Protein backbone atom coordinates (compact mmCIF):
# COMPACT_ATOMS: atom_id res chain seq x y z
CA MET A 1 -187.50 -94.82 14.65
CA SER A 2 -191.09 -95.43 13.66
CA TYR A 3 -192.51 -97.19 10.66
CA ARG A 4 -195.86 -96.95 8.93
CA ASN A 5 -197.36 -100.36 9.51
CA ASN A 6 -199.11 -101.99 6.59
CA GLU A 7 -202.09 -103.79 8.03
CA ASP A 8 -202.41 -106.24 5.15
CA ARG A 9 -200.93 -109.66 5.74
CA VAL A 10 -197.95 -110.87 3.79
CA ALA A 11 -200.10 -113.60 2.33
CA ALA A 12 -203.62 -114.61 3.11
CA PRO A 13 -204.06 -118.24 4.11
CA PRO A 14 -205.35 -120.55 1.39
CA SER A 15 -209.02 -119.83 0.77
CA ASP A 16 -211.81 -122.28 0.15
CA ASN A 17 -212.05 -120.97 -3.40
CA PRO A 18 -208.49 -120.41 -4.61
CA THR A 19 -207.95 -118.55 -7.84
CA PRO A 20 -207.36 -120.96 -10.73
CA HIS A 21 -204.45 -120.08 -12.94
CA MET A 22 -203.64 -122.82 -15.42
CA ALA A 23 -205.55 -125.91 -16.40
CA VAL A 24 -203.87 -129.29 -16.65
CA GLN A 25 -205.69 -132.00 -18.57
CA GLU A 26 -204.64 -135.62 -18.89
CA SER A 27 -206.74 -138.65 -19.88
CA GLY A 28 -209.93 -136.68 -19.52
CA PHE A 29 -209.00 -135.34 -16.06
CA SER A 30 -208.92 -131.56 -15.72
CA PHE A 31 -207.35 -129.74 -12.78
CA ALA A 32 -206.86 -126.02 -12.20
CA THR A 33 -203.66 -125.12 -10.36
CA PRO A 34 -204.61 -122.64 -7.58
CA THR A 35 -202.66 -119.40 -7.26
CA GLU A 36 -202.65 -116.35 -5.01
CA PHE A 37 -201.19 -112.88 -4.98
CA VAL A 38 -198.48 -112.01 -2.45
CA GLU A 39 -198.01 -108.45 -1.30
CA LEU A 40 -194.45 -107.27 -1.89
CA PRO A 41 -192.95 -105.28 1.01
CA SER A 42 -191.07 -103.10 -1.50
CA GLY A 43 -194.21 -102.24 -3.45
CA GLY A 44 -191.99 -102.61 -6.50
CA THR A 45 -190.37 -99.22 -5.87
CA PHE A 46 -186.84 -100.58 -5.45
CA TYR A 47 -186.75 -102.37 -8.80
CA PRO A 48 -185.25 -100.58 -11.81
CA GLU A 49 -187.25 -99.82 -14.93
CA GLY A 50 -187.50 -102.88 -17.14
CA HIS A 51 -187.72 -105.30 -14.23
CA PRO A 52 -190.99 -107.32 -14.25
CA LEU A 53 -191.74 -106.13 -10.70
CA HIS A 54 -190.99 -102.44 -11.26
CA ASN A 55 -193.72 -100.53 -9.37
CA GLU A 56 -195.71 -103.76 -8.90
CA GLY A 57 -197.30 -104.13 -5.49
CA THR A 58 -197.98 -107.86 -5.70
CA VAL A 59 -196.71 -111.01 -7.39
CA GLU A 60 -198.69 -114.12 -8.29
CA ILE A 61 -197.49 -117.52 -7.08
CA LYS A 62 -198.75 -121.08 -7.44
CA TYR A 63 -199.53 -123.21 -4.43
CA MET A 64 -196.78 -125.63 -3.42
CA THR A 65 -197.19 -129.13 -4.86
CA ALA A 66 -195.65 -132.57 -4.45
CA LYS A 67 -193.31 -131.66 -7.31
CA ASP A 68 -192.08 -128.69 -5.30
CA GLU A 69 -191.39 -130.99 -2.36
CA ASP A 70 -189.14 -132.98 -4.70
CA ILE A 71 -187.14 -129.81 -5.24
CA LEU A 72 -186.82 -129.19 -1.51
CA THR A 73 -185.59 -132.73 -0.87
CA SER A 74 -183.21 -133.00 -3.84
CA PRO A 75 -179.74 -133.88 -2.42
CA SER A 76 -177.92 -132.24 -5.33
CA LEU A 77 -179.88 -128.98 -5.08
CA LEU A 78 -179.50 -128.90 -1.30
CA LYS A 79 -175.75 -129.48 -1.52
CA LYS A 80 -175.37 -126.63 -4.02
CA GLY A 81 -177.66 -124.34 -2.01
CA LEU A 82 -180.06 -124.02 -4.93
CA ALA A 83 -183.19 -125.68 -3.53
CA VAL A 84 -184.94 -122.56 -2.22
CA ASP A 85 -184.23 -120.46 -5.32
CA ARG A 86 -185.41 -123.30 -7.55
CA LEU A 87 -188.61 -123.51 -5.50
CA VAL A 88 -189.21 -119.76 -5.89
CA LYS A 89 -188.64 -119.98 -9.64
CA ASN A 90 -191.07 -122.89 -9.88
CA ILE A 91 -193.92 -121.22 -8.00
CA LEU A 92 -193.66 -117.81 -9.67
CA VAL A 93 -196.35 -117.53 -12.33
CA ASP A 94 -194.38 -114.92 -14.29
CA LYS A 95 -191.38 -116.86 -15.57
CA ASN A 96 -189.69 -113.62 -16.65
CA ILE A 97 -188.87 -112.93 -13.00
CA ASP A 98 -185.36 -114.03 -12.05
CA PRO A 99 -185.40 -115.26 -8.41
CA GLY A 100 -181.86 -113.94 -7.96
CA SER A 101 -183.07 -110.42 -8.75
CA LEU A 102 -185.68 -110.42 -6.00
CA LEU A 103 -185.11 -108.06 -3.10
CA VAL A 104 -184.50 -109.88 0.16
CA GLY A 105 -187.70 -108.64 1.79
CA ASP A 106 -189.84 -109.58 -1.22
CA LYS A 107 -188.28 -113.04 -1.35
CA ASN A 108 -189.05 -113.50 2.36
CA ALA A 109 -192.69 -112.61 1.71
CA ILE A 110 -192.89 -115.12 -1.14
CA LEU A 111 -191.32 -117.88 0.97
CA ILE A 112 -193.71 -117.28 3.86
CA ALA A 113 -196.69 -117.35 1.51
CA ALA A 114 -195.42 -120.56 -0.11
CA ARG A 115 -194.91 -122.17 3.30
CA ILE A 116 -198.52 -121.37 4.20
CA THR A 117 -199.85 -122.99 1.02
CA GLY A 118 -197.67 -126.05 1.53
CA TYR A 119 -197.74 -126.77 5.26
CA GLY A 120 -200.16 -124.34 6.87
CA GLU A 121 -199.96 -121.17 8.93
CA SER A 122 -198.34 -122.65 12.06
CA TYR A 123 -194.55 -122.91 12.28
CA ALA A 124 -192.98 -124.33 15.45
CA ALA A 125 -189.42 -123.15 16.00
CA SER A 126 -186.88 -123.07 18.79
CA VAL A 127 -186.30 -119.59 20.22
CA THR A 128 -184.17 -118.13 23.02
CA CYS A 129 -185.75 -115.98 25.71
CA PRO A 130 -184.18 -112.47 25.61
CA VAL A 131 -184.51 -112.22 29.41
CA CYS A 132 -183.29 -115.53 30.86
CA ALA A 133 -181.62 -117.03 27.76
CA MET A 134 -183.55 -120.29 28.11
CA THR A 135 -184.65 -121.98 24.89
CA GLY A 136 -188.19 -123.05 24.15
CA ILE A 137 -190.58 -123.83 21.31
CA HIS A 138 -192.80 -121.09 19.95
CA GLU A 139 -195.63 -121.55 17.47
CA PHE A 140 -195.33 -118.70 14.97
CA ASP A 141 -198.54 -117.75 13.18
CA LEU A 142 -197.36 -117.08 9.64
CA SER A 143 -200.69 -115.56 8.65
CA GLN A 144 -200.02 -112.70 11.09
CA MET A 145 -196.67 -111.70 9.62
CA ARG A 146 -196.83 -108.03 8.64
CA THR A 147 -194.92 -105.96 6.17
CA TYR A 148 -193.53 -102.55 7.01
CA VAL A 149 -192.48 -99.63 4.85
CA PRO A 150 -190.06 -96.88 5.89
CA ASP A 151 -190.82 -93.23 6.35
CA PHE A 152 -188.33 -91.76 3.87
CA ASP A 153 -188.85 -88.18 5.04
CA GLU A 154 -188.09 -89.12 8.62
CA LEU A 155 -184.96 -90.99 7.54
CA GLY A 156 -183.70 -88.13 5.37
CA VAL A 157 -183.66 -90.36 2.30
CA SER A 158 -184.73 -89.19 -1.15
CA PRO A 159 -185.77 -91.41 -4.08
CA THR A 160 -183.73 -90.73 -7.21
CA GLY A 161 -185.66 -93.05 -9.52
CA ASN A 162 -184.75 -96.43 -11.01
CA GLY A 163 -184.87 -98.13 -7.61
CA GLU A 164 -182.19 -95.98 -5.95
CA TYR A 165 -182.16 -93.58 -2.98
CA SER A 166 -179.81 -90.83 -1.86
CA LEU A 167 -178.55 -89.79 1.57
CA GLN A 168 -176.49 -86.77 2.55
CA LEU A 169 -173.71 -87.80 4.94
CA PRO A 170 -173.26 -85.05 7.56
CA LYS A 171 -169.61 -85.54 8.50
CA CYS A 172 -168.02 -85.50 5.04
CA GLY A 173 -170.83 -83.69 3.22
CA VAL A 174 -171.00 -86.34 0.49
CA GLU A 175 -174.24 -87.45 -1.18
CA VAL A 176 -174.38 -91.24 -1.43
CA THR A 177 -176.77 -93.05 -3.75
CA PHE A 178 -177.57 -96.60 -2.71
CA ARG A 179 -179.76 -99.51 -3.77
CA ALA A 180 -181.25 -102.54 -2.04
CA LEU A 181 -179.43 -105.85 -2.00
CA THR A 182 -180.94 -108.71 -3.97
CA GLY A 183 -180.71 -112.40 -3.15
CA ARG A 184 -177.93 -112.72 -5.73
CA ASP A 185 -176.00 -109.88 -4.05
CA GLU A 186 -176.20 -111.63 -0.67
CA LYS A 187 -174.93 -114.88 -2.18
CA ASN A 188 -172.02 -113.05 -3.82
CA LEU A 189 -171.10 -111.40 -0.51
CA LEU A 190 -171.20 -114.79 1.22
CA MET A 191 -168.94 -116.28 -1.46
CA ILE A 192 -166.49 -113.39 -1.13
CA GLY A 193 -166.32 -113.92 2.63
CA GLU A 194 -165.79 -117.67 2.30
CA ARG A 195 -163.08 -117.21 -0.33
CA LYS A 196 -161.17 -114.76 1.86
CA LYS A 197 -161.43 -117.12 4.80
CA LYS A 198 -160.00 -120.00 2.76
CA GLN A 199 -157.13 -117.79 1.58
CA ASN A 200 -156.45 -116.52 5.12
CA LEU A 201 -157.16 -112.95 4.01
CA PRO A 202 -158.53 -110.26 6.33
CA GLU A 203 -162.33 -110.12 6.47
CA THR A 204 -163.82 -106.96 4.93
CA THR A 205 -167.51 -107.65 5.44
CA LEU A 206 -168.52 -104.03 5.99
CA THR A 207 -166.70 -102.50 3.03
CA ASP A 208 -167.75 -105.39 0.77
CA GLN A 209 -171.38 -104.66 1.57
CA PHE A 210 -170.88 -100.96 0.90
CA ARG A 211 -169.41 -101.82 -2.52
CA ALA A 212 -172.51 -103.85 -3.28
CA THR A 213 -175.05 -101.24 -2.16
CA ILE A 214 -173.47 -97.87 -3.04
CA ALA A 215 -174.33 -96.99 -6.65
CA ALA A 216 -172.85 -93.48 -6.78
CA VAL A 217 -170.91 -90.91 -4.75
CA ASN A 218 -171.79 -87.29 -5.55
CA GLY A 219 -173.24 -88.61 -8.79
CA ASN A 220 -170.04 -90.42 -9.81
CA ARG A 221 -170.72 -94.07 -10.68
CA GLU A 222 -167.17 -95.19 -11.40
CA GLN A 223 -166.42 -98.19 -9.18
CA ASN A 224 -162.83 -97.12 -8.47
CA TYR A 225 -164.08 -93.73 -7.30
CA ILE A 226 -166.69 -95.37 -5.08
CA ASN A 227 -164.10 -97.79 -3.65
CA GLN A 228 -161.75 -94.92 -2.80
CA PHE A 229 -164.52 -93.10 -0.96
CA ILE A 230 -165.51 -96.22 0.99
CA ASP A 231 -161.92 -96.65 2.22
CA VAL A 232 -161.81 -93.10 3.66
CA MET A 233 -165.47 -92.70 4.74
CA PRO A 234 -165.59 -91.34 8.32
CA ALA A 235 -166.77 -93.91 10.83
CA MET A 236 -169.63 -91.63 11.91
CA ASP A 237 -170.95 -91.48 8.35
CA SER A 238 -170.40 -95.20 7.90
CA ARG A 239 -172.52 -95.92 10.96
CA LEU A 240 -175.28 -93.58 9.77
CA LEU A 241 -175.32 -95.14 6.30
CA ARG A 242 -175.58 -98.66 7.74
CA SER A 243 -178.42 -97.82 10.10
CA THR A 244 -180.29 -95.79 7.46
CA TYR A 245 -179.97 -98.57 4.91
CA ALA A 246 -181.38 -101.12 7.38
CA LYS A 247 -184.39 -98.87 8.06
CA THR A 248 -184.93 -97.91 4.43
CA ILE A 249 -185.29 -101.35 2.86
CA PRO A 250 -188.85 -102.75 3.24
CA ASN A 251 -189.10 -106.26 4.61
CA VAL A 252 -191.34 -108.62 6.53
CA ASN A 253 -191.55 -108.04 10.27
CA MET A 254 -190.49 -111.45 11.62
CA GLY A 255 -191.14 -110.59 15.26
CA GLN A 256 -193.93 -112.08 17.38
CA THR A 257 -194.61 -112.12 21.12
CA TYR A 258 -193.16 -115.10 22.98
CA THR A 259 -194.10 -116.09 26.54
CA CYS A 260 -191.20 -117.83 28.27
CA GLU A 261 -192.22 -120.87 30.31
CA SER A 262 -189.08 -120.53 32.41
CA CYS A 263 -189.25 -116.93 33.63
CA GLY A 264 -192.75 -115.96 32.51
CA SER A 265 -191.65 -112.85 30.62
CA GLU A 266 -193.36 -111.76 27.41
CA GLU A 267 -190.89 -110.53 24.82
CA GLU A 268 -190.78 -110.12 21.05
CA VAL A 269 -188.64 -112.75 19.34
CA THR A 270 -187.63 -113.01 15.70
CA MET A 271 -188.79 -115.99 13.68
CA PRO A 272 -185.76 -118.05 12.61
CA PHE A 273 -185.45 -119.20 9.01
CA THR A 274 -184.11 -122.66 9.82
CA ALA A 275 -184.09 -125.83 7.74
CA GLU A 276 -187.35 -126.88 9.41
CA PHE A 277 -189.18 -123.92 7.83
CA PHE A 278 -189.64 -125.98 4.65
CA TRP A 279 -188.78 -129.35 6.15
CA PRO A 280 -191.13 -129.57 9.15
CA LYS A 281 -190.87 -132.60 11.40
């Protein structure tokens, strides 16, 4: 399956003349906080009407500061898993944007741009060679991360408006309307999985995700109706829906070419989002 590559970078590296956004003045000292615009992989098309990013191609963020580093090193925020979201909220210029409502791909683009402003374009991470399975260190160039957008016609997906898309399932003949997961959705799914594990209940990761992404079945938006359909959806249609969803949602292409020192092969590896992404050694 091919994608139309967007040749613009996720975020340009900090320039010599950053755009000033807000002036801070204390005791006669004036300082302009630099900002930059980050290209959103979604182009704003997956946000419903009324959302601040609806049909917006970019979002403005402030450069990371020492205050932001305090957020990233706060023991209480780290323990609660809130540090990254608090950082995103702090660097967004438009305070009407709820970080939890950001689409996963857009949030990734914002985090990469913030990392560049805070610690530079180079990110050293441990990766595993796909050929010989040996681990090594690869220097990812964050400035070369690209966004991609899907070819909806090729995927057989139709926009229905308000950030939703429809797909005709061939086996059962049902039209499914789905939406993209937000960061809040992913957290909720993680919490559901952890709660079931603690209660020794069967894991239902696949159907839980369908319940979060499917907005309507043949136009019916009643959750009980959707749940009933999910439970009896043919496996062939389930597989198609999963693969189509993964190819429909815009994101940042995290892959870069890695040369293995052990076997010499050159393969594409995916950049890991580890703790060291914002806490470099």
